[in-house]
Amino acid sequence: MRHTRATTGLLPDMTDTSGVADEPLPLLIVDGANVVGSVPDGWWRDRRGAAERLRDRLVPFARSGVPGLPGPVELVLVVEGAARGVAPVPGVRVADAPGSGDDLIVDLAAAAGRACLVVTADRELRRRVQEHGAQVTGPRSVLS
């Protein structure tokens, strides 16, 4: 099956041409700061390292998806502040927020034009992305 990943204008286009039918992949956006901050493991001593560990932990979800959004999915990890500069890996794009990670997440959700699920526990961010039709799930969906 051919999956065409729709371009949001905020991230470069990615296309898997291995199949037959054109079908946009659902978008899974992970609020890196919120998910990392939900586990008190000393992340504050090395924010970039914590974001890299989360990125690596997310790789399987690109194929399998998460509850409420079966895979494969286009997975975007949004990082901000000292966590910026984390390199992408196959299956996980990393988007450096120039300012607020929440604002970039809202922009990505608003531009998605397809099924979109945001992983965060931030109540205000939940409200903002839901206004654009995105669904929301908590950090446990990618941590368990």
C-alpha atoms as a PDB file:
ATOM      1  CA  MET A   1       0.000   0.000   0.000  1.00  0.00           C
ATOM      2  CA  ARG A   2       1.384   3.406  -0.888  1.00  0.00           C
ATOM      3  CA  HIS A   3       1.248   6.031   1.797  1.00  0.00           C
ATOM      4  CA  THR A   4       1.698   9.667   0.939  1.00  0.00           C
ATOM      5  CA  ARG A   5       2.532  11.768   3.920  1.00  0.00           C
ATOM      6  CA  ALA A   6       0.837  15.097   3.518  1.00  0.00           C
ATOM      7  CA  THR A   7       3.052  18.125   3.815  1.00  0.00           C
ATOM      8  CA  THR A   8       2.045  20.595   6.490  1.00  0.00           C
ATOM      9  CA  GLY A   9       4.297  23.329   5.185  1.00  0.00           C
ATOM     10  CA  LEU A  10       6.010  23.183   8.561  1.00  0.00           C
ATOM     11  CA  LEU A  11       7.863  19.920   7.975  1.00  0.00           C
ATOM     12  CA  PRO A  12       9.393  18.469   4.805  1.00  0.00           C
ATOM     13  CA  ASP A  13       7.417  15.957   2.742  1.00  0.00           C
ATOM     14  CA  MET A  14       8.112  12.253   3.299  1.00  0.00           C
ATOM     15  CA  THR A  15       6.754   9.670   0.882  1.00  0.00           C
ATOM     16  CA  ASP A  16       6.810   5.871   1.021  1.00  0.00           C
ATOM     17  CA  THR A  17       6.166   4.637  -2.503  1.00  0.00           C
ATOM     18  CA  SER A  18       6.282   0.915  -1.734  1.00  0.00           C
ATOM     19  CA  GLY A  19       2.624   0.215  -2.448  1.00  0.00           C
ATOM     20  CA  VAL A  20      -0.355   0.965  -4.603  1.00  0.00           C
ATOM     21  CA  ALA A  21      -3.005   3.278  -3.116  1.00  0.00           C
ATOM     22  CA  ASP A  22      -2.454   6.900  -2.077  1.00  0.00           C
ATOM     23  CA  GLU A  23      -3.517   7.373   1.497  1.00  0.00           C
ATOM     24  CA  PRO A  24      -2.283   9.977   3.980  1.00  0.00           C
ATOM     25  CA  LEU A  25      -0.771   8.500   7.105  1.00  0.00           C
ATOM     26  CA  PRO A  26      -2.338   9.609  10.371  1.00  0.00           C
ATOM     27  CA  LEU A  27      -0.211  12.122  12.267  1.00  0.00           C
ATOM     28  CA  LEU A  28       1.028  11.373  15.785  1.00  0.00           C
ATOM     29  CA  ILE A  29       2.508  14.448  17.485  1.00  0.00           C
ATOM     30  CA  VAL A  30       4.394  13.968  20.754  1.00  0.00           C
ATOM     31  CA  ASP A  31       4.829  16.875  23.174  1.00  0.00           C
ATOM     32  CA  GLY A  32       8.416  16.044  24.086  1.00  0.00           C
ATOM     33  CA  ALA A  33       8.739  18.394  27.057  1.00  0.00           C
ATOM     34  CA  ASN A  34       5.501  17.182  28.602  1.00  0.00           C
ATOM     35  CA  VAL A  35       6.151  13.475  28.076  1.00  0.00           C
ATOM     36  CA  VAL A  36       9.763  13.690  29.323  1.00  0.00           C
ATOM     37  CA  GLY A  37       8.605  15.744  32.315  1.00  0.00           C
ATOM     38  CA  SER A  38       6.024  13.132  33.291  1.00  0.00           C
ATOM     39  CA  VAL A  39       8.760  10.752  34.493  1.00  0.00           C
ATOM     40  CA  PRO A  40      10.915  12.013  37.400  1.00  0.00           C
ATOM     41  CA  ASP A  41      14.147  10.336  36.266  1.00  0.00           C
ATOM     42  CA  GLY A  42      16.553  13.283  36.435  1.00  0.00           C
ATOM     43  CA  TRP A  43      15.689  14.536  32.925  1.00  0.00           C
ATOM     44  CA  TRP A  44      16.303  18.124  34.041  1.00  0.00           C
ATOM     45  CA  ARG A  45      20.063  17.455  34.278  1.00  0.00           C
ATOM     46  CA  ASP A  46      20.284  16.583  30.566  1.00  0.00           C
ATOM     47  CA  ARG A  47      17.258  17.747  28.595  1.00  0.00           C
ATOM     48  CA  ARG A  48      18.689  16.863  25.194  1.00  0.00           C
ATOM     49  CA  GLY A  49      19.703  13.385  26.402  1.00  0.00           C
ATOM     50  CA  ALA A  50      16.202  12.864  27.801  1.00  0.00           C
ATOM     51  CA  ALA A  51      14.687  13.922  24.457  1.00  0.00           C
ATOM     52  CA  GLU A  52      17.009  11.511  22.616  1.00  0.00           C
ATOM     53  CA  ARG A  53      15.948   8.647  24.900  1.00  0.00           C
ATOM     54  CA  LEU A  54      12.292   9.499  24.268  1.00  0.00           C
ATOM     55  CA  ARG A  55      12.910   9.678  20.507  1.00  0.00           C
ATOM     56  CA  ASP A  56      14.455   6.211  20.571  1.00  0.00           C
ATOM     57  CA  ARG A  57      11.587   4.867  22.662  1.00  0.00           C
ATOM     58  CA  LEU A  58       9.072   6.216  20.106  1.00  0.00           C
ATOM     59  CA  VAL A  59      10.491   4.347  17.075  1.00  0.00           C
ATOM     60  CA  PRO A  60       8.204   1.258  17.361  1.00  0.00           C
ATOM     61  CA  PHE A  61       5.101   3.472  17.519  1.00  0.00           C
ATOM     62  CA  ALA A  62       5.703   4.734  13.958  1.00  0.00           C
ATOM     63  CA  ARG A  63       4.731   1.279  12.704  1.00  0.00           C
ATOM     64  CA  SER A  64       2.321   0.121  15.420  1.00  0.00           C
ATOM     65  CA  GLY A  65       0.596   3.383  16.326  1.00  0.00           C
ATOM     66  CA  VAL A  66      -0.921   3.883  19.768  1.00  0.00           C
ATOM     67  CA  PRO A  67      -4.336   3.136  21.276  1.00  0.00           C
ATOM     68  CA  GLY A  68      -6.813   5.237  19.327  1.00  0.00           C
ATOM     69  CA  LEU A  69      -4.522   5.638  16.307  1.00  0.00           C
ATOM     70  CA  PRO A  70      -3.374   2.396  14.687  1.00  0.00           C
ATOM     71  CA  GLY A  71      -0.178   2.406  12.657  1.00  0.00           C
ATOM     72  CA  PRO A  72       1.599   3.051  10.572  1.00  0.00           C
ATOM     73  CA  VAL A  73       1.677   6.735  11.455  1.00  0.00           C
ATOM     74  CA  GLU A  74       3.800   9.758  10.697  1.00  0.00           C
ATOM     75  CA  LEU A  75       5.398  10.459  14.069  1.00  0.00           C
ATOM     76  CA  VAL A  76       6.679  13.909  15.004  1.00  0.00           C
ATOM     77  CA  LEU A  77       8.451  14.601  18.289  1.00  0.00           C
ATOM     78  CA  VAL A  78       8.310  18.313  19.149  1.00  0.00           C
ATOM     79  CA  VAL A  79      11.179  19.578  21.299  1.00  0.00           C
ATOM     80  CA  GLU A  80      11.943  23.018  22.696  1.00  0.00           C
ATOM     81  CA  GLY A  81      14.572  24.922  24.625  1.00  0.00           C
ATOM     82  CA  ALA A  82      17.685  22.985  25.674  1.00  0.00           C
ATOM     83  CA  ALA A  83      16.313  19.829  24.017  1.00  0.00           C
ATOM     84  CA  ARG A  84      16.555  21.384  20.532  1.00  0.00           C
ATOM     85  CA  GLY A  85      18.999  19.842  18.106  1.00  0.00           C
ATOM     86  CA  VAL A  86      18.020  16.204  18.595  1.00  0.00           C
ATOM     87  CA  ALA A  87      18.547  14.359  15.318  1.00  0.00           C
ATOM     88  CA  PRO A  88      15.691  12.462  13.663  1.00  0.00           C
ATOM     89  CA  VAL A  89      15.865   8.683  13.259  1.00  0.00           C
ATOM     90  CA  PRO A  90      13.985   6.451  10.814  1.00  0.00           C
ATOM     91  CA  GLY A  91      10.339   6.569  11.836  1.00  0.00           C
ATOM     92  CA  VAL A  92      10.608   9.630  14.081  1.00  0.00           C
ATOM     93  CA  ARG A  93      10.912  13.196  12.878  1.00  0.00           C
ATOM     94  CA  VAL A  94      12.091  15.760  15.365  1.00  0.00           C
ATOM     95  CA  ALA A  95      10.709  19.287  15.104  1.00  0.00           C
ATOM     96  CA  ASP A  96      12.627  22.004  16.961  1.00  0.00           C
ATOM     97  CA  ALA A  97      10.192  24.614  18.216  1.00  0.00           C
ATOM     98  CA  PRO A  98      11.660  28.081  17.630  1.00  0.00           C
ATOM     99  CA  GLY A  99       9.746  29.288  20.677  1.00  0.00           C
ATOM    100  CA  SER A 100       6.935  27.534  22.481  1.00  0.00           C
ATOM    101  CA  GLY A 101       6.635  23.826  21.760  1.00  0.00           C
ATOM    102  CA  ASP A 102       2.912  24.130  22.424  1.00  0.00           C
ATOM    103  CA  ASP A 103       2.522  26.721  19.666  1.00  0.00           C
ATOM    104  CA  LEU A 104       4.308  24.498  17.142  1.00  0.00           C
ATOM    105  CA  ILE A 105       2.163  21.517  18.163  1.00  0.00           C
ATOM    106  CA  VAL A 106      -0.996  23.575  17.630  1.00  0.00           C
ATOM    107  CA  ASP A 107       0.288  24.719  14.225  1.00  0.00           C
ATOM    108  CA  LEU A 108       1.047  21.126  13.184  1.00  0.00           C
ATOM    109  CA  ALA A 109      -2.366  19.908  14.354  1.00  0.00           C
ATOM    110  CA  ALA A 110      -4.149  22.779  12.592  1.00  0.00           C
ATOM    111  CA  ALA A 111      -2.343  22.064   9.314  1.00  0.00           C
ATOM    112  CA  ALA A 112      -2.626  18.258   9.481  1.00  0.00           C
ATOM    113  CA  GLY A 113      -5.678  17.813   7.247  1.00  0.00           C
ATOM    114  CA  ARG A 114      -5.905  14.165   8.349  1.00  0.00           C
ATOM    115  CA  ALA A 115      -6.338  12.072  11.468  1.00  0.00           C
ATOM    116  CA  CYS A 116      -4.156  13.615  14.158  1.00  0.00           C
ATOM    117  CA  LEU A 117      -3.419  12.490  17.709  1.00  0.00           C
ATOM    118  CA  VAL A 118      -1.390  14.586  20.154  1.00  0.00           C
ATOM    119  CA  VAL A 119       0.379  12.983  23.115  1.00  0.00           C
ATOM    120  CA  THR A 120       0.376  15.382  26.072  1.00  0.00           C
ATOM    121  CA  ALA A 121      -1.013  15.841  29.570  1.00  0.00           C
ATOM    122  CA  ASP A 122      -1.031  19.641  29.255  1.00  0.00           C
ATOM    123  CA  ARG A 123      -4.664  20.715  29.716  1.00  0.00           C
ATOM    124  CA  GLU A 124      -4.367  24.013  27.865  1.00  0.00           C
ATOM    125  CA  LEU A 125      -2.597  22.361  24.929  1.00  0.00           C
ATOM    126  CA  ARG A 126      -5.265  19.637  24.869  1.00  0.00           C
ATOM    127  CA  ARG A 127      -7.952  22.300  24.540  1.00  0.00           C
ATOM    128  CA  ARG A 128      -6.080  24.173  21.821  1.00  0.00           C
ATOM    129  CA  VAL A 129      -5.426  21.156  19.575  1.00  0.00           C
ATOM    130  CA  GLN A 130      -8.946  19.808  20.043  1.00  0.00           C
ATOM    131  CA  GLU A 131     -10.222  23.108  18.631  1.00  0.00           C
ATOM    132  CA  HIS A 132      -8.497  22.036  15.384  1.00  0.00           C
ATOM    133  CA  GLY A 133     -10.011  18.554  15.393  1.00  0.00           C
ATOM    134  CA  ALA A 134      -7.061  16.673  16.873  1.00  0.00           C
ATOM    135  CA  GLN A 135      -7.577  13.883  19.365  1.00  0.00           C
ATOM    136  CA  VAL A 136      -5.474  13.749  22.535  1.00  0.00           C
ATOM    137  CA  THR A 137      -3.985  10.979  24.654  1.00  0.00           C
ATOM    138  CA  GLY A 138      -1.746  11.047  27.700  1.00  0.00           C
ATOM    139  CA  PRO A 139       1.963  10.247  28.013  1.00  0.00           C
ATOM    140  CA  ARG A 140       1.291   6.707  29.238  1.00  0.00           C
ATOM    141  CA  SER A 141       0.286   5.752  25.698  1.00  0.00           C
ATOM    142  CA  VAL A 142       3.955   5.997  24.665  1.00  0.00           C
ATOM    143  CA  LEU A 143       5.622   5.188  27.971  1.00  0.00           C
ATOM    144  CA  SER A 144       4.088   1.839  28.878  1.00  0.00           C
END
